PDB file of all heavy atoms in Angstrom:
ATOM      1  N   LEU A   1     -36.926 -52.465   6.104  1.00  0.00           N
ATOM      2  CA  LEU A   1     -36.797 -53.508   7.116  1.00  0.00           C
ATOM      3  C   LEU A   1     -35.466 -54.238   6.970  1.00  0.00           C
ATOM      4  O   LEU A   1     -34.726 -54.432   7.961  1.00  0.00           O
ATOM      5  CB  LEU A   1     -37.964 -54.492   6.967  1.00  0.00           C
ATOM      6  CG  LEU A   1     -37.976 -55.708   7.879  1.00  0.00           C
ATOM      7  CD1 LEU A   1     -38.150 -55.265   9.316  1.00  0.00           C
ATOM      8  CD2 LEU A   1     -39.084 -56.656   7.471  1.00  0.00           C
ATOM      9  N   MET A   2     -35.139 -54.655   5.765  1.00  0.00           N
ATOM     10  CA  MET A   2     -33.917 -55.401   5.561  1.00  0.00           C
ATOM     11  C   MET A   2     -32.676 -54.554   5.871  1.00  0.00           C
ATOM     12  O   MET A   2     -31.694 -55.050   6.420  1.00  0.00           O
ATOM     13  CB  MET A   2     -33.833 -55.917   4.113  1.00  0.00           C
ATOM     14  CG  MET A   2     -34.824 -57.024   3.800  1.00  0.00           C
ATOM     15  SD  MET A   2     -34.585 -58.532   4.826  1.00  0.00           S
ATOM     16  CE  MET A   2     -35.969 -58.376   5.960  1.00  0.00           C
ATOM     17  N   ARG A   3     -32.711 -53.288   5.542  1.00  0.00           N
ATOM     18  CA  ARG A   3     -31.564 -52.436   5.827  1.00  0.00           C
ATOM     19  C   ARG A   3     -31.374 -52.251   7.333  1.00  0.00           C
ATOM     20  O   ARG A   3     -30.254 -52.282   7.837  1.00  0.00           O
ATOM     21  CB  ARG A   3     -31.730 -51.084   5.121  1.00  0.00           C
ATOM     22  CG  ARG A   3     -31.522 -51.206   3.621  1.00  0.00           C
ATOM     23  CD  ARG A   3     -31.791 -49.923   2.879  1.00  0.00           C
ATOM     24  NE  ARG A   3     -31.446 -50.084   1.461  1.00  0.00           N
ATOM     25  CZ  ARG A   3     -31.752 -49.210   0.512  1.00  0.00           C
ATOM     26  NH1 ARG A   3     -32.427 -48.099   0.825  1.00  0.00           N
ATOM     27  NH2 ARG A   3     -31.396 -49.409  -0.739  1.00  0.00           N
ATOM     28  N   GLY A   4     -32.481 -52.084   8.034  1.00  0.00           N
ATOM     29  CA  GLY A   4     -32.391 -51.954   9.486  1.00  0.00           C
ATOM     30  C   GLY A   4     -31.886 -53.233  10.145  1.00  0.00           C
ATOM     31  O   GLY A   4     -31.051 -53.193  11.064  1.00  0.00           O
ATOM     32  N   MET A   5     -32.371 -54.369   9.678  1.00  0.00           N
ATOM     33  CA  MET A   5     -31.943 -55.642  10.245  1.00  0.00           C
ATOM     34  C   MET A   5     -30.497 -55.962   9.850  1.00  0.00           C
ATOM     35  O   MET A   5     -29.747 -56.602  10.605  1.00  0.00           O
ATOM     36  CB  MET A   5     -32.879 -56.760   9.819  1.00  0.00           C
ATOM     37  CG  MET A   5     -34.293 -56.565  10.337  1.00  0.00           C
ATOM     38  SD  MET A   5     -35.419 -57.949  10.030  1.00  0.00           S
ATOM     39  CE  MET A   5     -35.038 -58.999  11.434  1.00  0.00           C
ATOM     40  N   ALA A   6     -30.081 -55.482   8.685  1.00  0.00           N
ATOM     41  CA  ALA A   6     -28.680 -55.668   8.276  1.00  0.00           C
ATOM     42  C   ALA A   6     -27.748 -55.001   9.266  1.00  0.00           C
ATOM     43  O   ALA A   6     -26.686 -55.553   9.619  1.00  0.00           O
ATOM     44  CB  ALA A   6     -28.478 -55.096   6.874  1.00  0.00           C
ATOM     45  N   ARG A   7     -28.118 -53.816   9.735  1.00  0.00           N
ATOM     46  CA  ARG A   7     -27.301 -53.130  10.739  1.00  0.00           C
ATOM     47  C   ARG A   7     -27.345 -53.859  12.079  1.00  0.00           C
ATOM     48  O   ARG A   7     -26.334 -53.989  12.768  1.00  0.00           O
ATOM     49  CB  ARG A   7     -27.791 -51.686  10.903  1.00  0.00           C
ATOM     50  CG  ARG A   7     -27.607 -50.819   9.665  1.00  0.00           C
ATOM     51  CD  ARG A   7     -28.087 -49.390   9.929  1.00  0.00           C
ATOM     52  NE  ARG A   7     -28.085 -48.589   8.712  1.00  0.00           N
ATOM     53  CZ  ARG A   7     -27.001 -48.003   8.201  1.00  0.00           C
ATOM     54  NH1 ARG A   7     -25.841 -48.120   8.834  1.00  0.00           N
ATOM     55  NH2 ARG A   7     -27.086 -47.290   7.094  1.00  0.00           N
ATOM     56  N   ALA A   8     -28.525 -54.315  12.449  1.00  0.00           N
ATOM     57  CA  ALA A   8     -28.702 -54.918  13.771  1.00  0.00           C
ATOM     58  C   ALA A   8     -27.914 -56.227  13.918  1.00  0.00           C
ATOM     59  O   ALA A   8     -27.412 -56.517  15.014  1.00  0.00           O
ATOM     60  CB  ALA A   8     -30.190 -55.172  14.031  1.00  0.00           C
ATOM     61  N   TYR A   9     -27.793 -56.989  12.841  1.00  0.00           N
ATOM     62  CA  TYR A   9     -27.158 -58.304  12.938  1.00  0.00           C
ATOM     63  C   TYR A   9     -25.799 -58.381  12.251  1.00  0.00           C
ATOM     64  O   TYR A   9     -25.238 -59.464  12.122  1.00  0.00           O
ATOM     65  CB  TYR A   9     -28.092 -59.370  12.356  1.00  0.00           C
ATOM     66  CG  TYR A   9     -29.280 -59.667  13.235  1.00  0.00           C
ATOM     67  CD1 TYR A   9     -30.519 -59.061  13.025  1.00  0.00           C
ATOM     68  CD2 TYR A   9     -29.170 -60.554  14.308  1.00  0.00           C
ATOM     69  CE1 TYR A   9     -31.606 -59.332  13.834  1.00  0.00           C
ATOM     70  CE2 TYR A   9     -30.262 -60.839  15.125  1.00  0.00           C
ATOM     71  CZ  TYR A   9     -31.474 -60.214  14.883  1.00  0.00           C
ATOM     72  OH  TYR A   9     -32.560 -60.493  15.703  1.00  0.00           O
ATOM     73  N   ALA A  10     -25.268 -57.238  11.843  1.00  0.00           N
ATOM     74  CA  ALA A  10     -23.971 -57.252  11.146  1.00  0.00           C
ATOM     75  C   ALA A  10     -22.874 -57.837  12.008  1.00  0.00           C
ATOM     76  O   ALA A  10     -21.990 -58.556  11.511  1.00  0.00           O
ATOM     77  CB  ALA A  10     -23.609 -55.839  10.694  1.00  0.00           C
ATOM     78  N   GLY A  11     -22.897 -57.555  13.304  1.00  0.00           N
ATOM     79  CA  GLY A  11     -21.861 -58.072  14.194  1.00  0.00           C
ATOM     80  C   GLY A  11     -21.878 -59.575  14.314  1.00  0.00           C
ATOM     81  O   GLY A  11     -20.871 -60.186  14.736  1.00  0.00           O
ATOM     82  N   ASP A  12     -22.977 -60.200  13.947  1.00  0.00           N
ATOM     83  CA  ASP A  12     -23.099 -61.656  13.989  1.00  0.00           C
ATOM     84  C   ASP A  12     -22.829 -62.294  12.643  1.00  0.00           C
ATOM     85  O   ASP A  12     -23.040 -63.491  12.462  1.00  0.00           O
ATOM     86  CB  ASP A  12     -24.512 -62.055  14.463  1.00  0.00           C
ATOM     87  CG  ASP A  12     -24.812 -61.508  15.852  1.00  0.00           C
ATOM     88  OD1 ASP A  12     -24.165 -61.973  16.805  1.00  0.00           O
ATOM     89  OD2 ASP A  12     -25.684 -60.625  15.961  1.00  0.00           O
ATOM     90  N   LYS A  13     -22.381 -61.473  11.679  1.00  0.00           N
ATOM     91  CA  LYS A  13     -22.084 -61.938  10.320  1.00  0.00           C
ATOM     92  C   LYS A  13     -23.316 -62.551   9.642  1.00  0.00           C
ATOM     93  O   LYS A  13     -23.223 -63.495   8.863  1.00  0.00           O
ATOM     94  CB  LYS A  13     -20.939 -62.944  10.319  1.00  0.00           C
ATOM     95  CG  LYS A  13     -19.633 -62.373  10.868  1.00  0.00           C
ATOM     96  CD  LYS A  13     -19.145 -61.209  10.031  1.00  0.00           C
ATOM     97  CE  LYS A  13     -17.790 -60.694  10.499  1.00  0.00           C
ATOM     98  NZ  LYS A  13     -17.835 -60.004  11.794  1.00  0.00           N
ATOM     99  N   ILE A  14     -24.488 -61.973   9.971  1.00  0.00           N
ATOM    100  CA  ILE A  14     -25.729 -62.372   9.314  1.00  0.00           C
ATOM    101  C   ILE A  14     -26.106 -61.252   8.355  1.00  0.00           C
ATOM    102  O   ILE A  14     -26.292 -60.100   8.785  1.00  0.00           O
ATOM    103  CB  ILE A  14     -26.848 -62.604  10.330  1.00  0.00           C
ATOM    104  CG1 ILE A  14     -26.428 -63.677  11.342  1.00  0.00           C
ATOM    105  CG2 ILE A  14     -28.155 -63.023   9.603  1.00  0.00           C
ATOM    106  CD1 ILE A  14     -27.339 -63.768  12.549  1.00  0.00           C
ATOM    107  N   THR A  15     -26.181 -61.540   7.083  1.00  0.00           N
ATOM    108  CA  THR A  15     -26.463 -60.508   6.089  1.00  0.00           C
ATOM    109  C   THR A  15     -27.938 -60.536   5.700  1.00  0.00           C
ATOM    110  O   THR A  15     -28.588 -61.582   5.692  1.00  0.00           O
ATOM    111  CB  THR A  15     -25.600 -60.688   4.835  1.00  0.00           C
ATOM    112  OG1 THR A  15     -25.924 -61.914   4.181  1.00  0.00           O
ATOM    113  CG2 THR A  15     -24.126 -60.653   5.182  1.00  0.00           C
ATOM    114  N   PHE A  16     -28.433 -59.359   5.370  1.00  0.00           N
ATOM    115  CA  PHE A  16     -29.822 -59.178   4.928  1.00  0.00           C
ATOM    116  C   PHE A  16     -29.793 -58.421   3.606  1.00  0.00           C
ATOM    117  O   PHE A  16     -29.301 -57.294   3.529  1.00  0.00           O
ATOM    118  CB  PHE A  16     -30.612 -58.363   5.953  1.00  0.00           C
ATOM    119  CG  PHE A  16     -30.907 -59.085   7.231  1.00  0.00           C
ATOM    120  CD1 PHE A  16     -29.926 -59.247   8.195  1.00  0.00           C
ATOM    121  CD2 PHE A  16     -32.164 -59.617   7.465  1.00  0.00           C
ATOM    122  CE1 PHE A  16     -30.187 -59.927   9.380  1.00  0.00           C
ATOM    123  CE2 PHE A  16     -32.441 -60.297   8.633  1.00  0.00           C
ATOM    124  CZ  PHE A  16     -31.454 -60.452   9.601  1.00  0.00           C
ATOM    125  N   ASN A  17     -30.320 -59.066   2.579  1.00  0.00           N
ATOM    126  CA  ASN A  17     -30.375 -58.449   1.260  1.00  0.00           C
ATOM    127  C   ASN A  17     -31.732 -58.727   0.622  1.00  0.00           C
ATOM    128  O   ASN A  17     -32.497 -59.560   1.112  1.00  0.00           O
ATOM    129  CB  ASN A  17     -29.251 -58.990   0.363  1.00  0.00           C
ATOM    130  CG  ASN A  17     -27.870 -58.562   0.856  1.00  0.00           C
ATOM    131  OD1 ASN A  17     -27.531 -57.382   0.795  1.00  0.00           O
ATOM    132  ND2 ASN A  17     -27.094 -59.511   1.343  1.00  0.00           N
ATOM    133  N   ALA A  18     -32.018 -58.021  -0.459  1.00  0.00           N
ATOM    134  CA  ALA A  18     -33.309 -58.172  -1.128  1.00  0.00           C
ATOM    135  C   ALA A  18     -33.118 -58.264  -2.634  1.00  0.00           C
ATOM    136  O   ALA A  18     -32.150 -57.741  -3.190  1.00  0.00           O
ATOM    137  CB  ALA A  18     -34.224 -56.995  -0.798  1.00  0.00           C
ATOM    138  N   VAL A  19     -34.057 -58.921  -3.282  1.00  0.00           N
ATOM    139  CA  VAL A  19     -34.111 -59.000  -4.736  1.00  0.00           C
ATOM    140  C   VAL A  19     -35.384 -58.299  -5.189  1.00  0.00           C
ATOM    141  O   VAL A  19     -36.468 -58.529  -4.641  1.00  0.00           O
ATOM    142  CB  VAL A  19     -34.140 -60.473  -5.199  1.00  0.00           C
ATOM    143  CG1 VAL A  19     -34.342 -60.554  -6.710  1.00  0.00           C
ATOM    144  CG2 VAL A  19     -32.844 -61.171  -4.807  1.00  0.00           C
ATOM    145  N   ALA A  20     -35.238 -57.418  -6.166  1.00  0.00           N
ATOM    146  CA  ALA A  20     -36.374 -56.657  -6.702  1.00  0.00           C
ATOM    147  C   ALA A  20     -36.640 -57.104  -8.142  1.00  0.00           C
ATOM    148  O   ALA A  20     -36.007 -56.620  -9.078  1.00  0.00           O
ATOM    149  CB  ALA A  20     -36.079 -55.154  -6.672  1.00  0.00           C
ATOM    150  N   PRO A  21     -37.593 -58.032  -8.336  1.00  0.00           N
ATOM    151  CA  PRO A  21     -37.913 -58.452  -9.708  1.00  0.00           C
ATOM    152  C   PRO A  21     -38.691 -57.384 -10.450  1.00  0.00           C
ATOM    153  O   PRO A  21     -39.418 -56.579  -9.867  1.00  0.00           O
ATOM    154  CB  PRO A  21     -38.781 -59.704  -9.484  1.00  0.00           C
ATOM    155  CG  PRO A  21     -38.642 -60.044  -8.029  1.00  0.00           C
ATOM    156  CD  PRO A  21     -38.338 -58.774  -7.331  1.00  0.00           C
ATOM    157  N   GLY A  22     -38.543 -57.441 -11.765  1.00  0.00           N
ATOM    158  CA  GLY A  22     -39.402 -56.637 -12.622  1.00  0.00           C
ATOM    159  C   GLY A  22     -40.561 -57.495 -13.108  1.00  0.00           C
ATOM    160  O   GLY A  22     -41.273 -58.094 -12.311  1.00  0.00           O
ATOM    161  N   ALA A  23     -40.732 -57.589 -14.423  1.00  0.00           N
ATOM    162  CA  ALA A  23     -41.827 -58.365 -14.997  1.00  0.00           C
ATOM    163  C   ALA A  23     -41.419 -59.835 -15.112  1.00  0.00           C
ATOM    164  O   ALA A  23     -40.620 -60.212 -15.977  1.00  0.00           O
ATOM    165  CB  ALA A  23     -42.209 -57.819 -16.365  1.00  0.00           C
ATOM    166  N   ILE A  24     -41.956 -60.657 -14.226  1.00  0.00           N
ATOM    167  CA  ILE A  24     -41.691 -62.091 -14.243  1.00  0.00           C
ATOM    168  C   ILE A  24     -42.974 -62.789 -14.677  1.00  0.00           C
ATOM    169  O   ILE A  24     -44.064 -62.455 -14.242  1.00  0.00           O
ATOM    170  CB  ILE A  24     -41.264 -62.579 -12.852  1.00  0.00           C
ATOM    171  CG1 ILE A  24     -40.131 -61.704 -12.289  1.00  0.00           C
ATOM    172  CG2 ILE A  24     -40.832 -64.037 -12.923  1.00  0.00           C
ATOM    173  CD1 ILE A  24     -38.877 -61.660 -13.125  1.00  0.00           C
ATOM    174  N   ASP A  25     -42.833 -63.758 -15.537  1.00  0.00           N
ATOM    175  CA  ASP A  25     -43.995 -64.419 -16.148  1.00  0.00           C
ATOM    176  C   ASP A  25     -44.619 -65.395 -15.159  1.00  0.00           C
ATOM    177  O   ASP A  25     -44.381 -66.604 -15.193  1.00  0.00           O
ATOM    178  CB  ASP A  25     -43.564 -65.149 -17.425  1.00  0.00           C
ATOM    179  CG  ASP A  25     -44.752 -65.609 -18.239  1.00  0.00           C
ATOM    180  OD1 ASP A  25     -45.908 -65.276 -17.859  1.00  0.00           O
ATOM    181  OD2 ASP A  25     -44.551 -66.309 -19.251  1.00  0.00           O
ATOM    182  N   THR A  26     -45.410 -64.847 -14.255  1.00  0.00           N
ATOM    183  CA  THR A  26     -46.131 -65.642 -13.265  1.00  0.00           C
ATOM    184  C   THR A  26     -47.602 -65.251 -13.275  1.00  0.00           C
ATOM    185  O   THR A  26     -47.990 -64.199 -13.788  1.00  0.00           O
ATOM    186  CB  THR A  26     -45.578 -65.409 -11.859  1.00  0.00           C
ATOM    187  OG1 THR A  26     -45.838 -64.054 -11.464  1.00  0.00           O
ATOM    188  CG2 THR A  26     -44.075 -65.667 -11.797  1.00  0.00           C
ATOM    189  N   GLU A  27     -48.405 -66.093 -12.657  1.00  0.00           N
ATOM    190  CA  GLU A  27     -49.842 -65.786 -12.553  1.00  0.00           C
ATOM    191  C   GLU A  27     -50.072 -64.519 -11.746  1.00  0.00           C
ATOM    192  O   GLU A  27     -50.954 -63.735 -12.055  1.00  0.00           O
ATOM    193  CB  GLU A  27     -50.557 -66.964 -11.904  1.00  0.00           C
ATOM    194  CG  GLU A  27     -52.078 -66.801 -11.854  1.00  0.00           C
ATOM    195  CD  GLU A  27     -52.773 -68.021 -11.274  1.00  0.00           C
ATOM    196  OE1 GLU A  27     -52.120 -69.068 -11.116  1.00  0.00           O
ATOM    197  OE2 GLU A  27     -53.972 -67.931 -10.973  1.00  0.00           O
ATOM    198  N   MET A  28     -49.258 -64.304 -10.708  1.00  0.00           N
ATOM    199  CA  MET A  28     -49.406 -63.098  -9.908  1.00  0.00           C
ATOM    200  C   MET A  28     -49.195 -61.835 -10.761  1.00  0.00           C
ATOM    201  O   MET A  28     -49.872 -60.825 -10.596  1.00  0.00           O
ATOM    202  CB  MET A  28     -48.418 -63.086  -8.741  1.00  0.00           C
ATOM    203  CG  MET A  28     -48.516 -61.835  -7.875  1.00  0.00           C
ATOM    204  SD  MET A  28     -47.311 -61.775  -6.519  1.00  0.00           S
ATOM    205  CE  MET A  28     -48.044 -62.960  -5.388  1.00  0.00           C
ATOM    206  N   MET A  29     -48.252 -61.917 -11.708  1.00  0.00           N
ATOM    207  CA  MET A  29     -47.947 -60.765 -12.557  1.00  0.00           C
ATOM    208  C   MET A  29     -49.039 -60.519 -13.581  1.00  0.00           C
ATOM    209  O   MET A  29     -49.445 -59.385 -13.827  1.00  0.00           O
ATOM    210  CB  MET A  29     -46.613 -61.011 -13.282  1.00  0.00           C
ATOM    211  CG  MET A  29     -46.223 -59.935 -14.273  1.00  0.00           C
ATOM    212  SD  MET A  29     -45.783 -58.387 -13.461  1.00  0.00           S
ATOM    213  CE  MET A  29     -45.856 -57.246 -14.855  1.00  0.00           C
ATOM    214  N   THR A  30     -49.550 -61.566 -14.182  1.00  0.00           N
ATOM    215  CA  THR A  30     -50.431 -61.404 -15.336  1.00  0.00           C
ATOM    216  C   THR A  30     -51.926 -61.454 -15.015  1.00  0.00           C
ATOM    217  O   THR A  30     -52.749 -61.064 -15.830  1.00  0.00           O
ATOM    218  CB  THR A  30     -50.129 -62.484 -16.390  1.00  0.00           C
ATOM    219  OG1 THR A  30     -50.339 -63.778 -15.813  1.00  0.00           O
ATOM    220  CG2 THR A  30     -48.689 -62.375 -16.862  1.00  0.00           C
ATOM    221  N   ASP A  31     -52.271 -61.949 -13.819  1.00  0.00           N
ATOM    222  CA  ASP A  31     -53.677 -62.116 -13.470  1.00  0.00           C
ATOM    223  C   ASP A  31     -54.413 -60.771 -13.517  1.00  0.00           C
ATOM    224  O   ASP A  31     -53.992 -59.801 -12.899  1.00  0.00           O
ATOM    225  CB  ASP A  31     -53.800 -62.715 -12.063  1.00  0.00           C
ATOM    226  CG  ASP A  31     -55.250 -63.002 -11.698  1.00  0.00           C
ATOM    227  OD1 ASP A  31     -55.988 -63.495 -12.574  1.00  0.00           O
ATOM    228  OD2 ASP A  31     -55.635 -62.741 -10.554  1.00  0.00           O
TER     229      ASP A  31
END
């Protein structure tokens, strides 16, 4: 999704990027 939207809005200088976390010490991770 982000890659497709990055192409669609590139002409407007709107960037789309993503962060891919690994093991982060949160309840969602450890529950």
